[in-house]
Amino acid sequence: MREKIIANLQKPQPLFIGEDSAFQSAVMIPLVEKDGELHVLFQVRSFTMRKQPGDISFPGGKIDTTDDSPLAAAIRETHEELGVDKAHIQVIAELSPYIASSSFIVYPFVGILSVDEFKVNEAEVAEIFLVPLQHLLDFEPYLHLVDVAPQPGEDFPFEKIMNGAQYQWRSRQMEEWFYDYEQYTIWGLTARILKYFLERIQ
């Protein structure tokens, strides 16, 4: 029994407790060269999408069981949403995962897209736009805080915990960063990943 415990503990482990059961997605930060200057490509989610219609995002989505890896998912989603042949996607980096919560994780990658035209999937993408990388590096993102407090459901077993319904739940503040470019505002998860990417290349 002792040897078995040791052997099991020495096996590769998930990145964090709950990773195996978390909703896992992957995104690509697409870099495009235009007029001799690198740009970051963003997309506006279709206004008919069930989740987050009209939000600005990177190409990406849920990691399917048919994907060999998070990277494979990021490449597949980029191909499906932007119409870019996989041969024209040069992945140059894998960034640290973004752990939104124990039940939601995003694996970001950075890739250079060697294409002149895009064939967007209109069912998922309303439009795409390019932002000069230098503009993003020079821009000072601004911060707003959002209060987040736990809200137990009606069936929560208060009788099993100390202080019952008077239990003092710990609230927290969530950082929301904002980047502006022309008529676009980039915020939310996309801005968090963008900010980390920009800090890494500074």
N, C-alpha and C. Protein backbone atom coordinates (compact mmCIF):
# COMPACT_ATOMS: atom_id res chain seq x y z
N MET A 1 0.83 -1.21 0.00
CA MET A 1 0.00 0.00 0.00
C MET A 1 0.87 1.26 0.00
N ARG A 2 1.92 1.26 0.83
CA ARG A 2 2.80 2.42 0.91
C ARG A 2 3.44 2.72 -0.44
N GLU A 3 3.95 1.66 -1.11
CA GLU A 3 4.60 1.84 -2.41
C GLU A 3 3.61 2.34 -3.45
N LYS A 4 2.38 1.84 -3.38
CA LYS A 4 1.36 2.26 -4.34
C LYS A 4 1.02 3.74 -4.15
N ILE A 5 0.92 4.17 -2.90
CA ILE A 5 0.63 5.58 -2.61
C ILE A 5 1.73 6.46 -3.16
N ILE A 6 2.98 6.07 -2.92
CA ILE A 6 4.12 6.86 -3.40
C ILE A 6 4.13 6.91 -4.92
N ALA A 7 3.90 5.76 -5.56
CA ALA A 7 3.91 5.71 -7.02
C ALA A 7 2.82 6.59 -7.61
N ASN A 8 1.63 6.56 -7.02
CA ASN A 8 0.52 7.37 -7.53
C ASN A 8 0.79 8.87 -7.35
N LEU A 9 1.42 9.24 -6.23
CA LEU A 9 1.70 10.65 -5.98
C LEU A 9 2.80 11.18 -6.89
N GLN A 10 3.63 10.29 -7.43
CA GLN A 10 4.72 10.71 -8.31
C GLN A 10 4.31 10.78 -9.77
N LYS A 11 3.08 10.41 -10.07
CA LYS A 11 2.57 10.52 -11.43
C LYS A 11 2.32 11.99 -11.77
N PRO A 12 2.34 12.34 -13.07
CA PRO A 12 2.02 13.73 -13.45
C PRO A 12 0.66 14.14 -12.90
N GLN A 13 0.58 15.37 -12.40
CA GLN A 13 -0.64 15.85 -11.79
C GLN A 13 -1.22 17.01 -12.60
N PRO A 14 -2.51 17.29 -12.42
CA PRO A 14 -3.11 18.44 -13.08
C PRO A 14 -2.43 19.73 -12.64
N LEU A 15 -2.61 20.79 -13.42
CA LEU A 15 -2.05 22.09 -13.09
C LEU A 15 -2.57 22.59 -11.74
N PHE A 16 -3.84 22.34 -11.47
CA PHE A 16 -4.45 22.73 -10.21
C PHE A 16 -5.58 21.76 -9.90
N ILE A 17 -5.97 21.70 -8.63
CA ILE A 17 -7.06 20.80 -8.23
C ILE A 17 -8.35 21.26 -8.92
N GLY A 18 -8.94 20.37 -9.69
CA GLY A 18 -10.16 20.70 -10.41
C GLY A 18 -9.95 20.92 -11.89
N GLU A 19 -8.69 20.91 -12.37
CA GLU A 19 -8.44 21.15 -13.79
C GLU A 19 -9.14 20.11 -14.67
N ASP A 20 -9.11 18.87 -14.24
CA ASP A 20 -9.68 17.80 -15.06
C ASP A 20 -11.18 17.97 -15.29
N SER A 21 -11.88 18.54 -14.32
CA SER A 21 -13.33 18.68 -14.44
C SER A 21 -13.75 20.09 -14.84
N ALA A 22 -12.79 21.01 -14.97
CA ALA A 22 -13.12 22.39 -15.31
C ALA A 22 -13.52 22.52 -16.78
N PHE A 23 -14.29 23.57 -17.08
CA PHE A 23 -14.56 23.92 -18.48
C PHE A 23 -13.26 24.46 -19.05
N GLN A 24 -12.75 23.82 -20.10
CA GLN A 24 -11.46 24.19 -20.65
C GLN A 24 -11.62 24.77 -22.05
N SER A 25 -10.98 25.90 -22.27
CA SER A 25 -11.01 26.50 -23.60
C SER A 25 -9.61 26.97 -23.97
N ALA A 26 -9.43 27.27 -25.25
CA ALA A 26 -8.13 27.74 -25.74
C ALA A 26 -8.36 28.90 -26.69
N VAL A 27 -7.44 29.87 -26.66
CA VAL A 27 -7.55 31.02 -27.55
C VAL A 27 -6.21 31.26 -28.22
N MET A 28 -6.27 31.94 -29.35
CA MET A 28 -5.08 32.33 -30.09
C MET A 28 -5.00 33.84 -30.12
N ILE A 29 -3.84 34.39 -29.73
CA ILE A 29 -3.58 35.81 -29.93
C ILE A 29 -2.94 35.93 -31.30
N PRO A 30 -3.70 36.39 -32.31
CA PRO A 30 -3.19 36.37 -33.68
C PRO A 30 -2.42 37.65 -34.02
N LEU A 31 -1.20 37.50 -34.46
CA LEU A 31 -0.39 38.62 -34.92
C LEU A 31 -0.37 38.62 -36.44
N VAL A 32 -0.59 39.79 -37.02
CA VAL A 32 -0.65 39.94 -38.47
C VAL A 32 0.27 41.10 -38.87
N GLU A 33 1.11 40.87 -39.86
CA GLU A 33 1.98 41.95 -40.33
C GLU A 33 1.27 42.72 -41.44
N LYS A 34 1.22 44.03 -41.27
CA LYS A 34 0.58 44.91 -42.26
C LYS A 34 1.41 46.17 -42.39
N ASP A 35 1.76 46.52 -43.63
CA ASP A 35 2.58 47.71 -43.90
C ASP A 35 3.86 47.70 -43.07
N GLY A 36 4.45 46.52 -42.93
CA GLY A 36 5.71 46.39 -42.22
C GLY A 36 5.61 46.50 -40.71
N GLU A 37 4.39 46.46 -40.18
CA GLU A 37 4.19 46.62 -38.74
C GLU A 37 3.30 45.50 -38.22
N LEU A 38 3.63 44.98 -37.05
CA LEU A 38 2.82 43.93 -36.45
C LEU A 38 1.54 44.50 -35.85
N HIS A 39 0.44 43.79 -36.08
CA HIS A 39 -0.87 44.15 -35.52
C HIS A 39 -1.42 42.94 -34.77
N VAL A 40 -2.30 43.22 -33.83
CA VAL A 40 -3.05 42.16 -33.15
C VAL A 40 -4.45 42.14 -33.74
N LEU A 41 -4.89 40.95 -34.12
CA LEU A 41 -6.22 40.80 -34.69
C LEU A 41 -7.23 40.49 -33.59
N PHE A 42 -8.34 41.20 -33.60
CA PHE A 42 -9.45 40.93 -32.69
C PHE A 42 -10.70 40.66 -33.51
N GLN A 43 -11.63 39.98 -32.91
CA GLN A 43 -12.89 39.74 -33.59
C GLN A 43 -14.06 40.15 -32.70
N VAL A 44 -15.12 40.61 -33.35
CA VAL A 44 -16.36 40.93 -32.66
C VAL A 44 -17.28 39.73 -32.80
N ARG A 45 -17.70 39.18 -31.68
CA ARG A 45 -18.56 37.99 -31.71
C ARG A 45 -19.90 38.32 -32.37
N SER A 46 -20.40 37.37 -33.12
CA SER A 46 -21.67 37.55 -33.81
C SER A 46 -22.76 37.96 -32.82
N PHE A 47 -23.64 38.84 -33.26
CA PHE A 47 -24.72 39.34 -32.39
C PHE A 47 -25.83 38.30 -32.23
N THR A 48 -25.71 37.18 -32.94
CA THR A 48 -26.69 36.11 -32.80
C THR A 48 -26.18 35.00 -31.86
N MET A 49 -24.97 35.17 -31.35
CA MET A 49 -24.41 34.15 -30.45
C MET A 49 -25.20 34.13 -29.15
N ARG A 50 -25.34 32.94 -28.57
CA ARG A 50 -26.07 32.79 -27.33
C ARG A 50 -25.31 33.38 -26.15
N LYS A 51 -23.98 33.26 -26.17
CA LYS A 51 -23.16 33.78 -25.09
C LYS A 51 -22.31 34.95 -25.57
N GLN A 52 -22.33 36.02 -24.83
CA GLN A 52 -21.51 37.21 -25.06
C GLN A 52 -21.58 37.75 -26.49
N PRO A 53 -22.78 37.94 -27.03
CA PRO A 53 -22.88 38.49 -28.39
C PRO A 53 -22.31 39.91 -28.44
N GLY A 54 -21.57 40.21 -29.50
CA GLY A 54 -21.02 41.54 -29.68
C GLY A 54 -19.76 41.83 -28.90
N ASP A 55 -19.33 40.91 -28.04
CA ASP A 55 -18.10 41.13 -27.28
C ASP A 55 -16.88 40.99 -28.20
N ILE A 56 -15.81 41.65 -27.82
CA ILE A 56 -14.55 41.54 -28.56
C ILE A 56 -13.73 40.41 -27.95
N SER A 57 -13.19 39.57 -28.82
CA SER A 57 -12.49 38.39 -28.33
C SER A 57 -11.35 38.02 -29.26
N PHE A 58 -10.56 37.04 -28.81
CA PHE A 58 -9.60 36.38 -29.67
C PHE A 58 -10.27 35.14 -30.25
N PRO A 59 -9.78 34.62 -31.37
CA PRO A 59 -10.30 33.34 -31.86
C PRO A 59 -10.09 32.27 -30.80
N GLY A 60 -11.07 31.42 -30.63
CA GLY A 60 -10.92 30.36 -29.64
C GLY A 60 -12.25 29.82 -29.19
N GLY A 61 -12.19 28.86 -28.30
CA GLY A 61 -13.42 28.26 -27.80
C GLY A 61 -13.13 27.00 -27.00
N LYS A 62 -14.15 26.24 -26.78
CA LYS A 62 -14.08 25.04 -25.96
C LYS A 62 -13.14 24.01 -26.57
N ILE A 63 -12.37 23.35 -25.70
CA ILE A 63 -11.51 22.26 -26.14
C ILE A 63 -12.39 21.02 -26.27
N ASP A 64 -12.48 20.49 -27.48
CA ASP A 64 -13.32 19.32 -27.74
C ASP A 64 -12.56 18.03 -27.41
N THR A 65 -13.32 16.97 -27.23
CA THR A 65 -12.69 15.67 -26.95
C THR A 65 -11.87 15.19 -28.14
N THR A 66 -12.15 15.71 -29.33
CA THR A 66 -11.41 15.31 -30.52
C THR A 66 -10.10 16.09 -30.67
N ASP A 67 -9.90 17.12 -29.86
CA ASP A 67 -8.65 17.90 -29.92
C ASP A 67 -7.56 17.16 -29.15
N ASP A 68 -6.40 17.05 -29.76
CA ASP A 68 -5.30 16.36 -29.12
C ASP A 68 -4.72 17.14 -27.95
N SER A 69 -4.90 18.45 -27.96
CA SER A 69 -4.29 19.30 -26.95
C SER A 69 -4.97 20.67 -26.97
N PRO A 70 -4.72 21.50 -25.96
CA PRO A 70 -5.22 22.88 -26.02
C PRO A 70 -4.71 23.62 -27.26
N LEU A 71 -3.46 23.38 -27.64
CA LEU A 71 -2.92 24.02 -28.84
C LEU A 71 -3.70 23.61 -30.07
N ALA A 72 -4.01 22.34 -30.18
CA ALA A 72 -4.79 21.86 -31.33
C ALA A 72 -6.15 22.55 -31.38
N ALA A 73 -6.74 22.77 -30.21
CA ALA A 73 -8.04 23.45 -30.16
C ALA A 73 -7.92 24.89 -30.60
N ALA A 74 -6.85 25.59 -30.16
CA ALA A 74 -6.66 26.99 -30.54
C ALA A 74 -6.46 27.12 -32.05
N ILE A 75 -5.70 26.21 -32.64
CA ILE A 75 -5.48 26.24 -34.08
C ILE A 75 -6.77 25.93 -34.83
N ARG A 76 -7.50 24.93 -34.36
CA ARG A 76 -8.76 24.55 -35.01
C ARG A 76 -9.75 25.71 -34.98
N GLU A 77 -9.89 26.34 -33.82
CA GLU A 77 -10.84 27.44 -33.69
C GLU A 77 -10.44 28.62 -34.57
N THR A 78 -9.14 28.90 -34.65
CA THR A 78 -8.67 29.99 -35.51
C THR A 78 -8.99 29.70 -36.96
N HIS A 79 -8.81 28.46 -37.35
CA HIS A 79 -9.14 28.05 -38.72
C HIS A 79 -10.64 28.17 -38.98
N GLU A 80 -11.45 27.70 -38.04
CA GLU A 80 -12.90 27.70 -38.24
C GLU A 80 -13.49 29.11 -38.22
N GLU A 81 -12.97 29.98 -37.37
CA GLU A 81 -13.57 31.31 -37.21
C GLU A 81 -13.05 32.33 -38.22
N LEU A 82 -11.78 32.19 -38.60
CA LEU A 82 -11.18 33.19 -39.49
C LEU A 82 -10.93 32.66 -40.91
N GLY A 83 -11.09 31.36 -41.10
CA GLY A 83 -10.86 30.80 -42.41
C GLY A 83 -9.39 30.74 -42.80
N VAL A 84 -8.51 30.70 -41.80
CA VAL A 84 -7.07 30.65 -42.05
C VAL A 84 -6.62 29.20 -42.13
N ASP A 85 -5.94 28.86 -43.21
CA ASP A 85 -5.40 27.51 -43.34
C ASP A 85 -4.40 27.26 -42.21
N LYS A 86 -4.44 26.06 -41.65
CA LYS A 86 -3.58 25.74 -40.51
C LYS A 86 -2.11 25.88 -40.86
N ALA A 87 -1.78 25.70 -42.13
CA ALA A 87 -0.38 25.82 -42.56
C ALA A 87 0.11 27.26 -42.48
N HIS A 88 -0.84 28.21 -42.40
CA HIS A 88 -0.47 29.63 -42.36
C HIS A 88 -0.52 30.20 -40.94
N ILE A 89 -0.59 29.30 -39.95
CA ILE A 89 -0.58 29.70 -38.54
C ILE A 89 0.73 29.24 -37.92
N GLN A 90 1.60 30.18 -37.60
CA GLN A 90 2.88 29.86 -36.97
C GLN A 90 2.78 30.18 -35.48
N VAL A 91 2.65 29.14 -34.68
CA VAL A 91 2.53 29.33 -33.23
C VAL A 91 3.92 29.63 -32.67
N ILE A 92 4.06 30.76 -31.98
CA ILE A 92 5.37 31.16 -31.48
C ILE A 92 5.48 31.10 -29.97
N ALA A 93 4.36 30.93 -29.27
CA ALA A 93 4.45 30.89 -27.81
C ALA A 93 3.18 30.31 -27.19
N GLU A 94 3.37 29.66 -26.06
CA GLU A 94 2.27 29.26 -25.20
C GLU A 94 2.37 30.08 -23.93
N LEU A 95 1.31 30.79 -23.58
CA LEU A 95 1.31 31.61 -22.38
C LEU A 95 0.79 30.81 -21.19
N SER A 96 1.00 31.35 -20.02
CA SER A 96 0.46 30.71 -18.82
C SER A 96 -1.06 30.63 -18.92
N PRO A 97 -1.66 29.56 -18.43
CA PRO A 97 -3.12 29.46 -18.46
C PRO A 97 -3.76 30.54 -17.61
N TYR A 98 -4.93 30.97 -18.03
CA TYR A 98 -5.71 31.91 -17.22
C TYR A 98 -6.77 31.11 -16.47
N ILE A 99 -6.68 31.10 -15.15
CA ILE A 99 -7.61 30.34 -14.32
C ILE A 99 -8.65 31.31 -13.79
N ALA A 100 -9.77 31.38 -14.49
CA ALA A 100 -10.83 32.30 -14.08
C ALA A 100 -11.45 31.85 -12.77
N SER A 101 -11.58 30.54 -12.60
CA SER A 101 -12.07 29.94 -11.36
C SER A 101 -11.68 28.47 -11.41
N SER A 102 -11.97 27.75 -10.36
CA SER A 102 -11.65 26.32 -10.35
C SER A 102 -12.46 25.54 -11.37
N SER A 103 -13.47 26.19 -11.96
CA SER A 103 -14.31 25.50 -12.94
C SER A 103 -14.17 26.06 -14.35
N PHE A 104 -13.22 27.00 -14.55
CA PHE A 104 -13.08 27.62 -15.87
C PHE A 104 -11.63 28.01 -16.10
N ILE A 105 -11.02 27.45 -17.14
CA ILE A 105 -9.62 27.71 -17.43
C ILE A 105 -9.44 27.97 -18.93
N VAL A 106 -8.55 28.91 -19.25
CA VAL A 106 -8.28 29.27 -20.65
C VAL A 106 -6.79 29.10 -20.92
N TYR A 107 -6.46 28.40 -22.01
CA TYR A 107 -5.07 28.19 -22.41
C TYR A 107 -4.79 29.12 -23.60
N PRO A 108 -3.96 30.17 -23.42
CA PRO A 108 -3.69 31.11 -24.51
C PRO A 108 -2.40 30.76 -25.27
N PHE A 109 -2.44 31.02 -26.57
CA PHE A 109 -1.28 30.84 -27.44
C PHE A 109 -1.11 32.09 -28.30
N VAL A 110 0.09 32.29 -28.79
CA VAL A 110 0.39 33.41 -29.67
C VAL A 110 0.81 32.85 -31.01
N GLY A 111 0.20 33.37 -32.08
CA GLY A 111 0.55 32.87 -33.40
C GLY A 111 0.63 33.98 -34.42
N ILE A 112 1.50 33.80 -35.40
CA ILE A 112 1.59 34.73 -36.53
C ILE A 112 0.80 34.16 -37.69
N LEU A 113 -0.14 34.95 -38.21
CA LEU A 113 -0.98 34.51 -39.32
C LEU A 113 -0.41 35.09 -40.62
N SER A 114 -0.01 34.22 -41.52
CA SER A 114 0.60 34.66 -42.78
C SER A 114 -0.44 34.63 -43.89
N VAL A 115 -1.39 35.56 -43.83
CA VAL A 115 -2.45 35.63 -44.83
C VAL A 115 -2.77 37.10 -45.11
N ASP A 116 -3.33 37.34 -46.30
CA ASP A 116 -3.72 38.69 -46.68
C ASP A 116 -5.22 38.91 -46.55
N GLU A 117 -5.99 37.83 -46.64
CA GLU A 117 -7.45 37.92 -46.55
C GLU A 117 -7.98 36.86 -45.59
N PHE A 118 -9.11 37.20 -44.98
CA PHE A 118 -9.74 36.28 -44.05
C PHE A 118 -11.15 35.95 -44.53
N LYS A 119 -11.56 34.72 -44.33
CA LYS A 119 -12.91 34.29 -44.66
C LYS A 119 -13.62 33.94 -43.35
N VAL A 120 -14.17 34.98 -42.72
CA VAL A 120 -14.73 34.79 -41.38
C VAL A 120 -16.00 33.96 -41.42
N ASN A 121 -16.20 33.21 -40.37
CA ASN A 121 -17.42 32.44 -40.18
C ASN A 121 -18.47 33.39 -39.60
N GLU A 122 -19.40 33.84 -40.44
CA GLU A 122 -20.35 34.86 -40.02
C GLU A 122 -21.30 34.38 -38.93
N ALA A 123 -21.41 33.08 -38.76
CA ALA A 123 -22.26 32.57 -37.68
C ALA A 123 -21.64 32.84 -36.31
N GLU A 124 -20.33 33.04 -36.28
CA GLU A 124 -19.63 33.26 -35.02
C GLU A 124 -18.97 34.63 -34.94
N VAL A 125 -18.63 35.21 -36.08
CA VAL A 125 -17.85 36.45 -36.10
C VAL A 125 -18.57 37.52 -36.89
N ALA A 126 -18.87 38.65 -36.23
CA ALA A 126 -19.55 39.76 -36.91
C ALA A 126 -18.56 40.57 -37.74
N GLU A 127 -17.36 40.78 -37.20
CA GLU A 127 -16.32 41.51 -37.92
C GLU A 127 -14.98 41.27 -37.25
N ILE A 128 -13.91 41.61 -37.97
CA ILE A 128 -12.57 41.55 -37.40
C ILE A 128 -11.92 42.92 -37.59
N PHE A 129 -10.96 43.23 -36.74
CA PHE A 129 -10.21 44.48 -36.89
C PHE A 129 -8.80 44.28 -36.36
N LEU A 130 -7.88 45.09 -36.86
CA LEU A 130 -6.48 45.02 -36.47
C LEU A 130 -6.09 46.24 -35.64
N VAL A 131 -5.31 46.01 -34.60
CA VAL A 131 -4.80 47.09 -33.77
C VAL A 131 -3.28 47.02 -33.81
N PRO A 132 -2.60 48.12 -34.17
CA PRO A 132 -1.13 48.09 -34.17
C PRO A 132 -0.59 47.65 -32.81
N LEU A 133 0.32 46.72 -32.82
CA LEU A 133 0.89 46.24 -31.57
C LEU A 133 1.52 47.39 -30.77
N GLN A 134 2.14 48.32 -31.46
CA GLN A 134 2.77 49.43 -30.77
C GLN A 134 1.75 50.30 -30.04
N HIS A 135 0.57 50.45 -30.63
CA HIS A 135 -0.49 51.21 -29.96
C HIS A 135 -0.84 50.55 -28.63
N LEU A 136 -0.96 49.23 -28.63
CA LEU A 136 -1.32 48.52 -27.41
C LEU A 136 -0.21 48.61 -26.37
N LEU A 137 1.04 48.57 -26.85
CA LEU A 137 2.16 48.68 -25.92
C LEU A 137 2.23 50.08 -25.29
N ASP A 138 1.85 51.09 -26.06
CA ASP A 138 1.90 52.47 -25.57
C ASP A 138 0.67 52.83 -24.74
N PHE A 139 -0.42 52.12 -24.94
CA PHE A 139 -1.68 52.48 -24.28
C PHE A 139 -1.62 52.12 -22.80
N GLU A 140 -2.13 53.00 -21.96
CA GLU A 140 -2.21 52.74 -20.52
C GLU A 140 -3.61 52.24 -20.20
N PRO A 141 -3.76 50.93 -19.99
CA PRO A 141 -5.12 50.41 -19.72
C PRO A 141 -5.66 50.97 -18.41
N TYR A 142 -6.95 51.14 -18.35
CA TYR A 142 -7.54 51.66 -17.12
C TYR A 142 -8.36 50.57 -16.44
N LEU A 143 -8.45 50.68 -15.14
CA LEU A 143 -8.98 49.62 -14.28
C LEU A 143 -10.28 50.03 -13.61
N HIS A 144 -11.22 49.09 -13.58
CA HIS A 144 -12.43 49.22 -12.76
C HIS A 144 -12.58 47.94 -11.95
N LEU A 145 -13.07 48.08 -10.73
CA LEU A 145 -13.24 46.93 -9.85
C LEU A 145 -14.70 46.53 -9.77
N VAL A 146 -14.92 45.23 -9.74
CA VAL A 146 -16.27 44.68 -9.64
C VAL A 146 -16.35 43.85 -8.37
N ASP A 147 -17.30 44.15 -7.50
CA ASP A 147 -17.49 43.37 -6.28
C ASP A 147 -18.18 42.05 -6.61
N VAL A 148 -17.60 40.97 -6.09
CA VAL A 148 -18.16 39.63 -6.31
C VAL A 148 -18.40 39.00 -4.95
N ALA A 149 -19.63 38.59 -4.69
CA ALA A 149 -19.98 37.99 -3.40
C ALA A 149 -20.66 36.65 -3.63
N PRO A 150 -20.33 35.62 -2.83
CA PRO A 150 -20.99 34.32 -2.95
C PRO A 150 -22.48 34.44 -2.66
N GLN A 151 -23.28 33.65 -3.37
CA GLN A 151 -24.72 33.65 -3.17
C GLN A 151 -25.20 32.20 -3.10
N PRO A 152 -25.23 31.61 -1.89
CA PRO A 152 -25.64 30.21 -1.77
C PRO A 152 -27.06 29.99 -2.28
N GLY A 153 -27.28 28.81 -2.84
CA GLY A 153 -28.62 28.47 -3.32
C GLY A 153 -29.58 28.17 -2.19
N GLU A 154 -30.85 28.05 -2.54
CA GLU A 154 -31.88 27.83 -1.51
C GLU A 154 -31.70 26.49 -0.79
N ASP A 155 -31.07 25.53 -1.46
CA ASP A 155 -30.91 24.20 -0.84
C ASP A 155 -29.57 24.06 -0.12
N PHE A 156 -28.84 25.17 0.07
CA PHE A 156 -27.54 25.08 0.74
C PHE A 156 -27.73 24.61 2.18
N PRO A 157 -26.94 23.59 2.63
CA PRO A 157 -27.14 23.01 3.99
C PRO A 157 -26.51 23.86 5.09
N PHE A 158 -27.14 25.01 5.38
CA PHE A 158 -26.61 25.89 6.42
C PHE A 158 -26.51 25.19 7.77
N GLU A 159 -27.37 24.20 8.01
CA GLU A 159 -27.38 23.54 9.31
C GLU A 159 -26.12 22.72 9.54
N LYS A 160 -25.31 22.51 8.50
CA LYS A 160 -24.10 21.70 8.63
C LYS A 160 -22.83 22.53 8.84
N ILE A 161 -22.96 23.85 8.79
CA ILE A 161 -21.77 24.70 8.93
C ILE A 161 -21.88 25.61 10.14
N MET A 162 -20.73 25.99 10.67
CA MET A 162 -20.70 26.87 11.84
C MET A 162 -21.35 28.22 11.51
N ASN A 163 -22.19 28.70 12.40
CA ASN A 163 -22.92 29.97 12.28
C ASN A 163 -24.06 29.94 11.27
N GLY A 164 -24.27 28.81 10.63
CA GLY A 164 -25.44 28.62 9.79
C GLY A 164 -25.64 29.73 8.77
N ALA A 165 -26.87 30.24 8.71
CA ALA A 165 -27.21 31.27 7.72
C ALA A 165 -26.48 32.58 8.00
N GLN A 166 -25.88 32.72 9.18
CA GLN A 166 -25.13 33.94 9.51
C GLN A 166 -23.64 33.81 9.16
N TYR A 167 -23.30 32.74 8.48
CA TYR A 167 -21.90 32.54 8.10
C TYR A 167 -21.41 33.75 7.30
N GLN A 168 -20.22 34.23 7.65
CA GLN A 168 -19.67 35.41 6.98
C GLN A 168 -18.90 35.00 5.73
N TRP A 169 -19.59 35.07 4.58
CA TRP A 169 -18.93 34.73 3.32
C TRP A 169 -17.91 35.80 2.96
N ARG A 170 -16.83 35.36 2.36
CA ARG A 170 -15.76 36.29 1.97
C ARG A 170 -16.00 36.78 0.55
N SER A 171 -16.26 38.06 0.41
CA SER A 171 -16.44 38.63 -0.92
C SER A 171 -15.06 39.03 -1.47
N ARG A 172 -15.00 39.34 -2.74
CA ARG A 172 -13.73 39.74 -3.34
C ARG A 172 -14.01 40.77 -4.42
N GLN A 173 -12.95 41.40 -4.87
CA GLN A 173 -13.05 42.35 -5.96
C GLN A 173 -12.36 41.80 -7.20
N MET A 174 -13.02 41.89 -8.31
CA MET A 174 -12.48 41.39 -9.57
C MET A 174 -12.00 42.57 -10.40
N GLU A 175 -10.78 42.47 -10.91
CA GLU A 175 -10.23 43.53 -11.74
C GLU A 175 -10.75 43.42 -13.17
N GLU A 176 -11.21 44.52 -13.71
CA GLU A 176 -11.61 44.59 -15.11
C GLU A 176 -10.78 45.68 -15.78
N TRP A 177 -9.94 45.26 -16.73
CA TRP A 177 -9.08 46.19 -17.45
C TRP A 177 -9.70 46.57 -18.79
N PHE A 178 -9.42 47.77 -19.25
CA PHE A 178 -10.01 48.29 -20.48
C PHE A 178 -8.93 48.87 -21.39
N TYR A 179 -9.02 48.52 -22.67
CA TYR A 179 -8.18 49.10 -23.72
C TYR A 179 -9.10 49.70 -24.78
N ASP A 180 -8.78 50.91 -25.23
CA ASP A 180 -9.58 51.58 -26.26
C ASP A 180 -8.79 51.69 -27.55
N TYR A 181 -9.50 51.51 -28.65
CA TYR A 181 -8.90 51.74 -29.98
C TYR A 181 -10.02 52.14 -30.93
N GLU A 182 -9.94 53.37 -31.42
CA GLU A 182 -10.99 53.91 -32.29
C GLU A 182 -12.35 53.70 -31.62
N GLN A 183 -13.30 53.04 -32.30
CA GLN A 183 -14.62 52.86 -31.69
C GLN A 183 -14.73 51.60 -30.84
N TYR A 184 -13.63 50.88 -30.67
CA TYR A 184 -13.66 49.59 -29.98
C TYR A 184 -13.16 49.71 -28.55
N THR A 185 -13.74 48.92 -27.67
CA THR A 185 -13.27 48.79 -26.30
C THR A 185 -13.06 47.32 -26.00
N ILE A 186 -11.84 47.00 -25.61
CA ILE A 186 -11.47 45.62 -25.29
C ILE A 186 -11.44 45.49 -23.77
N TRP A 187 -12.19 44.53 -23.24
CA TRP A 187 -12.25 44.38 -21.80
C TRP A 187 -12.51 42.91 -21.47
N GLY A 188 -12.72 42.62 -20.20
CA GLY A 188 -13.05 41.26 -19.79
C GLY A 188 -11.87 40.31 -19.91
N LEU A 189 -12.19 39.05 -20.15
CA LEU A 189 -11.17 38.01 -20.24
C LEU A 189 -10.15 38.32 -21.32
N THR A 190 -10.62 38.86 -22.45
CA THR A 190 -9.71 39.20 -23.55
C THR A 190 -8.69 40.23 -23.11
N ALA A 191 -9.13 41.24 -22.38
CA ALA A 191 -8.21 42.28 -21.90
C ALA A 191 -7.21 41.72 -20.89
N ARG A 192 -7.65 40.80 -20.05
CA ARG A 192 -6.73 40.23 -19.07
C ARG A 192 -5.61 39.45 -19.75
N ILE A 193 -5.99 38.65 -20.73
CA ILE A 193 -4.98 37.87 -21.46
C ILE A 193 -4.09 38.80 -22.28
N LEU A 194 -4.70 39.81 -22.91
CA LEU A 194 -3.93 40.79 -23.68
C LEU A 194 -2.92 41.50 -22.79
N LYS A 195 -3.33 41.93 -21.63
CA LYS A 195 -2.45 42.65 -20.71
C LYS A 195 -1.26 41.78 -20.33
N TYR A 196 -1.50 40.51 -20.04
CA TYR A 196 -0.42 39.61 -19.68
C TYR A 196 0.55 39.44 -20.84
N PHE A 197 0.00 39.27 -22.04
CA PHE A 197 0.83 39.13 -23.25
C PHE A 197 1.71 40.36 -23.45
N LEU A 198 1.13 41.55 -23.33
CA LEU A 198 1.88 42.78 -23.54
C LEU A 198 2.98 42.94 -22.48
N GLU A 199 2.69 42.58 -21.24
CA GLU A 199 3.69 42.66 -20.18
C GLU A 199 4.85 41.71 -20.45
N ARG A 200 4.56 40.55 -21.05
CA ARG A 200 5.60 39.57 -21.32
C ARG A 200 6.55 40.04 -22.42
N ILE A 201 6.06 40.83 -23.37
CA ILE A 201 6.92 41.22 -24.49
C ILE A 201 7.53 42.59 -24.32
N GLN A 202 7.18 43.29 -23.24
CA GLN A 202 7.75 44.62 -22.99
C GLN A 202 9.27 44.53 -22.82
